[in-house]
Amino acid sequence: MTAPVLEISGAGLRLRGRELWAGLDLAVQPGEFVAVLGPSGSGKTTLLRAILGLQELSAGEIRVAGAPARRGDRRIGYIPQQRPLPPGTSLRARDLVALGIQGTRFGLPIPRPGDRRRVDALLSAVGAADYAERPVGLLSGGEQQRLRVAQALADEPVLLLCDEPLSSLDLANQQAVTAIIDRERREREAAVLFVTHDVNPILDRVDRILYIAGGRFTLGTPDEVLRTEVLTDLYGAPVHVLRTGGRLVVVGIPDADDHCEIPAAALEAGAA
């Protein structure tokens, strides 16, 4: 056994007087892909913020590669949700990626020898070389998200934190972004913690699932966690897990209006 990339021990977190979760233990190995699921407000993104050193725990500790979690840890790559950049944004695609290399340096971001080669390599790795010189505001959502992935990979992180990186992307771009992330963890053994509302695009790549709901959580393989009896117990309400048309459908979870893990078409197919 190698040393875990991420160790969470006895962690608890309260936010605005409400306990999001407590007693959380999680060890993520190099190259492991862990999906984090749960309804809106369950504390998925807050967990990522705690790992990034941006949110203090109420109890327990978090260690990254053997050291306490801290703000600005370059061993962690962070991929946010896809949010369109304004059309008038003057940065070129390569400038946005370069921020991942130069963004933490003091003073003006003066390129160093080798920076351009590194940016070119990152652009190529995410399939963005063809639009390297284009203004980012004129790129599609999928193209912009590829650049955010490239930026997150700039320092060859040992841990990738992905906060719903597939939201608002069409199926083709979901598959492309997921493939880039998966390649990074397979070739470089970067561990991946992937927050999502819809597990279907990544289901065949996931090793384990951490499911958080109502201040409680369960951890295990997809087959262990995504079961009717397990989620029913976790929510304290009847929940049904179905497989239909090659997709996983969860029916009956509380706050389903906000929980995009249930695509409308799939829900109708499953209900039928």
Protein backbone atom coordinates (compact mmCIF):
# COMPACT_ATOMS: atom_id res chain seq x y z
CA MET A 1 0.00 0.00 0.00
CA THR A 2 1.27 3.46 -0.88
CA ALA A 3 0.64 6.47 1.34
CA PRO A 4 -2.75 8.13 0.74
CA VAL A 5 -2.75 11.36 -1.24
CA LEU A 6 -5.69 12.64 0.83
CA GLU A 7 -6.46 11.71 4.44
CA ILE A 8 -9.58 12.99 6.20
CA SER A 9 -9.84 11.89 9.83
CA GLY A 10 -12.82 12.40 12.15
CA ALA A 11 -13.81 15.50 10.21
CA GLY A 12 -16.87 17.51 11.10
CA LEU A 13 -18.14 20.80 9.78
CA ARG A 14 -20.80 23.22 10.95
CA LEU A 15 -21.92 26.09 8.78
CA ARG A 16 -24.20 28.86 10.03
CA GLY A 17 -25.18 26.76 13.01
CA ARG A 18 -26.04 23.66 10.97
CA GLU A 19 -24.00 20.48 11.05
CA LEU A 20 -23.26 19.43 7.47
CA TRP A 21 -21.45 16.23 8.43
CA ALA A 22 -19.44 14.75 11.29
CA GLY A 23 -17.11 11.83 11.88
CA LEU A 24 -15.97 11.72 8.25
CA ASP A 25 -13.02 9.41 7.56
CA LEU A 26 -11.68 9.10 4.02
CA ALA A 27 -8.32 8.01 2.63
CA VAL A 28 -7.81 8.45 -1.12
CA GLN A 29 -4.97 6.55 -2.78
CA PRO A 30 -2.86 7.72 -5.75
CA GLY A 31 -4.79 7.22 -8.98
CA GLU A 32 -8.11 6.66 -7.22
CA PHE A 33 -11.29 8.29 -8.57
CA VAL A 34 -13.82 9.16 -5.84
CA ALA A 35 -17.17 10.73 -6.72
CA VAL A 36 -18.93 12.91 -4.13
CA LEU A 37 -22.73 12.88 -4.46
CA GLY A 38 -25.63 14.32 -2.52
CA PRO A 39 -28.45 16.88 -2.68
CA SER A 40 -27.90 20.62 -2.84
CA GLY A 41 -26.74 22.06 0.47
CA SER A 42 -25.34 18.78 1.79
CA GLY A 43 -21.79 20.11 2.03
CA LYS A 44 -20.10 18.70 -1.07
CA THR A 45 -18.48 21.95 -2.20
CA THR A 46 -17.73 22.90 1.41
CA LEU A 47 -15.74 19.68 1.70
CA LEU A 48 -13.59 20.77 -1.25
CA ARG A 49 -13.12 24.19 0.35
CA ALA A 50 -11.91 22.53 3.54
CA ILE A 51 -9.37 20.47 1.57
CA LEU A 52 -8.21 23.69 -0.14
CA GLY A 53 -7.69 25.30 3.27
CA LEU A 54 -10.46 27.83 2.66
CA GLN A 55 -12.92 26.46 5.24
CA GLU A 56 -11.99 25.56 8.81
CA LEU A 57 -13.24 22.22 10.14
CA SER A 58 -15.29 22.02 13.32
CA ALA A 59 -13.51 18.79 14.23
CA GLY A 60 -10.87 16.42 12.89
CA GLU A 61 -8.16 17.07 10.34
CA ILE A 62 -7.32 16.91 6.64
CA ARG A 63 -3.88 16.03 5.28
CA VAL A 64 -2.71 16.27 1.68
CA ALA A 65 0.34 14.16 0.76
CA GLY A 66 1.18 13.86 4.45
CA ALA A 67 0.93 17.57 5.32
CA PRO A 68 -1.97 19.53 6.87
CA ALA A 69 -4.35 21.08 4.35
CA ARG A 70 -3.42 24.68 3.66
CA ARG A 71 -4.45 27.53 1.42
CA GLY A 72 -2.50 27.83 -1.84
CA ASP A 73 -1.16 24.25 -1.89
CA ARG A 74 0.31 23.82 -5.39
CA ARG A 75 0.02 20.05 -5.08
CA ILE A 76 -3.74 20.43 -5.52
CA GLY A 77 -5.39 21.19 -8.85
CA TYR A 78 -8.88 22.70 -8.74
CA ILE A 79 -11.42 22.54 -11.57
CA PRO A 80 -14.54 24.68 -10.96
CA GLN A 81 -17.99 24.57 -12.51
CA GLN A 82 -18.26 25.75 -16.08
CA ARG A 83 -19.24 29.42 -16.00
CA PRO A 84 -19.14 31.34 -19.30
CA LEU A 85 -16.58 34.12 -19.49
CA PRO A 86 -17.91 37.47 -20.80
CA PRO A 87 -17.60 37.88 -24.59
CA GLY A 88 -15.42 40.95 -24.10
CA THR A 89 -12.77 39.16 -22.02
CA SER A 90 -9.45 40.15 -23.58
CA LEU A 91 -7.41 37.14 -22.44
CA ARG A 92 -6.41 34.65 -25.10
CA ALA A 93 -6.81 30.94 -24.44
CA ARG A 94 -3.08 30.56 -23.83
CA ASP A 95 -3.12 33.51 -21.39
CA LEU A 96 -5.76 31.80 -19.26
CA VAL A 97 -3.72 28.59 -19.12
CA ALA A 98 -0.55 30.56 -18.35
CA LEU A 99 -2.19 31.89 -15.17
CA GLY A 100 -1.90 28.38 -13.79
CA ILE A 101 1.87 28.66 -14.13
CA GLN A 102 2.49 32.34 -13.41
CA GLY A 103 -0.51 33.25 -11.26
CA THR A 104 1.15 32.72 -7.87
CA ARG A 105 4.32 34.66 -8.63
CA PHE A 106 4.80 38.04 -6.98
CA GLY A 107 4.76 41.10 -9.21
CA LEU A 108 3.97 41.20 -12.89
CA PRO A 109 3.45 37.79 -14.57
CA ILE A 110 6.69 37.94 -16.56
CA PRO A 111 7.18 34.68 -18.52
CA ARG A 112 10.19 32.57 -17.61
CA PRO A 113 12.19 30.33 -19.93
CA GLY A 114 10.14 27.23 -20.56
CA ASP A 115 6.76 28.77 -19.66
CA ARG A 116 5.61 28.93 -23.28
CA ARG A 117 6.61 25.31 -23.90
CA ARG A 118 4.70 24.28 -20.79
CA VAL A 119 1.60 26.22 -21.87
CA ASP A 120 1.80 24.68 -25.35
CA ALA A 121 2.05 21.20 -23.82
CA LEU A 122 -0.98 21.83 -21.60
CA LEU A 123 -3.04 23.21 -24.48
CA SER A 124 -2.17 20.14 -26.54
CA ALA A 125 -3.00 17.78 -23.66
CA VAL A 126 -6.56 19.10 -23.38
CA GLY A 127 -7.13 19.42 -27.13
CA ALA A 128 -7.09 23.22 -27.16
CA ALA A 129 -4.05 23.93 -29.35
CA ASP A 130 -6.19 24.93 -32.35
CA TYR A 131 -7.71 27.90 -30.53
CA ALA A 132 -4.72 28.90 -28.38
CA GLU A 133 -4.63 32.46 -29.77
CA ARG A 134 -8.37 33.15 -29.72
CA PRO A 135 -10.00 35.41 -27.07
CA VAL A 136 -11.54 33.21 -24.38
CA GLY A 137 -14.81 35.17 -24.43
CA LEU A 138 -15.46 33.95 -27.98
CA LEU A 139 -15.00 30.27 -27.12
CA SER A 140 -17.79 27.80 -26.37
CA GLY A 141 -18.47 26.59 -22.84
CA GLY A 142 -16.79 23.27 -23.56
CA GLU A 143 -13.69 24.97 -24.97
CA GLN A 144 -13.44 27.26 -21.96
CA GLN A 145 -13.74 24.31 -19.61
CA ARG A 146 -10.87 22.51 -21.34
CA LEU A 147 -8.74 25.57 -20.58
CA ARG A 148 -9.72 25.45 -16.90
CA VAL A 149 -8.66 21.81 -16.80
CA ALA A 150 -5.33 22.71 -18.41
CA GLN A 151 -4.86 25.47 -15.84
CA ALA A 152 -5.52 23.01 -13.00
CA LEU A 153 -2.92 20.61 -14.39
CA ALA A 154 -0.18 23.24 -14.68
CA ASP A 155 1.76 22.09 -11.60
CA GLU A 156 1.20 18.36 -12.15
CA PRO A 157 -0.90 18.09 -8.98
CA VAL A 158 -1.10 14.92 -6.91
CA LEU A 159 -4.77 15.66 -6.12
CA LEU A 160 -7.46 16.99 -8.48
CA LEU A 161 -10.55 18.55 -6.90
CA CYS A 162 -13.40 18.84 -9.38
CA ASP A 163 -16.45 20.88 -8.37
CA GLU A 164 -19.21 19.91 -10.80
CA PRO A 165 -16.95 20.52 -13.81
CA LEU A 166 -19.48 19.04 -16.24
CA SER A 167 -22.39 21.32 -15.37
CA SER A 168 -23.91 23.15 -18.36
CA LEU A 169 -21.84 21.11 -20.85
CA ASP A 170 -23.37 19.04 -23.63
CA LEU A 171 -22.79 15.28 -23.71
CA ALA A 172 -19.83 15.44 -26.12
CA ASN A 173 -17.99 17.99 -23.98
CA GLN A 174 -18.85 16.09 -20.79
CA GLN A 175 -17.19 13.03 -22.26
CA ALA A 176 -14.16 15.00 -23.47
CA VAL A 177 -13.52 16.75 -20.13
CA THR A 178 -14.04 13.52 -18.19
CA ALA A 179 -11.59 11.69 -20.46
CA ILE A 180 -8.90 14.34 -19.86
CA ILE A 181 -9.31 14.09 -16.08
CA ASP A 182 -9.32 10.30 -16.20
CA ARG A 183 -6.18 10.22 -18.36
CA GLU A 184 -4.36 12.41 -15.83
CA ARG A 185 -5.12 10.06 -12.97
CA ARG A 186 -4.19 6.96 -14.98
CA GLU A 187 -0.94 8.28 -16.46
CA ARG A 188 0.28 10.29 -13.46
CA GLU A 189 -1.68 8.58 -10.67
CA ALA A 190 -3.25 11.86 -9.57
CA ALA A 191 -6.07 11.18 -7.12
CA VAL A 192 -9.44 12.65 -8.13
CA LEU A 193 -12.26 13.90 -5.87
CA PHE A 194 -15.15 14.66 -8.22
CA VAL A 195 -18.26 16.48 -6.94
CA THR A 196 -21.25 15.97 -9.21
CA HIS A 197 -25.05 15.94 -9.30
CA ASP A 198 -25.16 13.45 -12.17
CA VAL A 199 -22.99 10.36 -11.75
CA ASN A 200 -23.87 8.84 -15.12
CA PRO A 201 -21.13 10.54 -17.24
CA ILE A 202 -18.41 9.26 -14.87
CA LEU A 203 -19.94 6.05 -13.55
CA ASP A 204 -17.64 3.70 -15.49
CA ARG A 205 -14.54 5.50 -14.16
CA VAL A 206 -15.44 5.78 -10.47
CA ASP A 207 -13.69 3.59 -7.89
CA ARG A 208 -15.68 4.72 -4.85
CA ILE A 209 -18.56 7.03 -4.01
CA LEU A 210 -18.96 9.28 -0.98
CA TYR A 211 -22.68 10.07 -0.69
CA ILE A 212 -23.65 12.87 1.73
CA ALA A 213 -27.25 13.63 2.72
CA GLY A 214 -29.01 15.08 5.75
CA GLY A 215 -25.87 15.30 7.87
CA ARG A 216 -25.04 11.64 7.24
CA PHE A 217 -22.84 9.91 4.69
CA THR A 218 -22.01 6.52 3.24
CA LEU A 219 -18.85 5.42 1.45
CA GLY A 220 -18.22 2.46 -0.84
CA THR A 221 -18.06 1.23 -4.41
CA PRO A 222 -20.84 2.30 -6.81
CA ASP A 223 -22.47 -1.12 -6.46
CA GLU A 224 -22.38 -0.83 -2.66
CA VAL A 225 -23.67 2.75 -2.39
CA LEU A 226 -26.08 3.20 -5.29
CA ARG A 227 -28.68 0.73 -4.04
CA THR A 228 -32.31 1.23 -3.08
CA GLU A 229 -31.90 0.07 0.53
CA VAL A 230 -28.71 2.08 1.14
CA LEU A 231 -30.09 5.41 -0.10
CA THR A 232 -33.45 4.80 1.57
CA ASP A 233 -31.64 4.40 4.89
CA LEU A 234 -29.42 7.42 4.23
CA TYR A 235 -32.34 9.75 3.42
CA GLY A 236 -34.79 8.23 5.87
CA ALA A 237 -37.36 8.18 3.06
CA PRO A 238 -38.25 5.76 0.24
CA VAL A 239 -35.69 6.05 -2.56
CA HIS A 240 -35.50 3.74 -5.57
CA VAL A 241 -32.40 3.09 -7.70
CA LEU A 242 -33.06 1.82 -11.22
CA ARG A 243 -30.90 1.03 -14.23
CA THR A 244 -32.53 1.82 -17.54
CA GLY A 245 -31.15 2.38 -21.02
CA GLY A 246 -27.61 2.08 -19.70
CA ARG A 247 -28.18 4.89 -17.20
CA LEU A 248 -28.64 5.01 -13.47
CA VAL A 249 -31.89 6.60 -12.28
CA VAL A 250 -32.62 7.57 -8.67
CA VAL A 251 -36.31 8.14 -7.96
CA GLY A 252 -37.92 9.70 -4.92
CA ILE A 253 -35.06 11.57 -3.26
CA PRO A 254 -36.00 14.63 -1.20
CA ASP A 255 -35.36 18.03 -2.88
CA ALA A 256 -35.47 16.31 -6.29
CA ASP A 257 -36.26 19.67 -7.95
CA ASP A 258 -32.68 20.78 -7.18
CA HIS A 259 -31.01 17.40 -7.51
CA CYS A 260 -29.81 17.07 -11.08
CA GLU A 261 -28.67 13.52 -10.55
CA ILE A 262 -32.06 12.66 -12.04
CA PRO A 263 -32.20 13.88 -15.66
CA ALA A 264 -35.81 14.60 -16.59
CA ALA A 265 -35.85 12.22 -19.56
CA ALA A 266 -34.30 9.44 -17.54
CA LEU A 267 -36.74 10.01 -14.71
CA GLU A 268 -39.67 9.69 -17.08
CA ALA A 269 -38.19 6.52 -18.58
CA GLY A 270 -37.56 5.08 -15.15
CA ALA A 271 -41.03 5.97 -13.88
CA ALA A 272 -42.54 4.36 -16.94
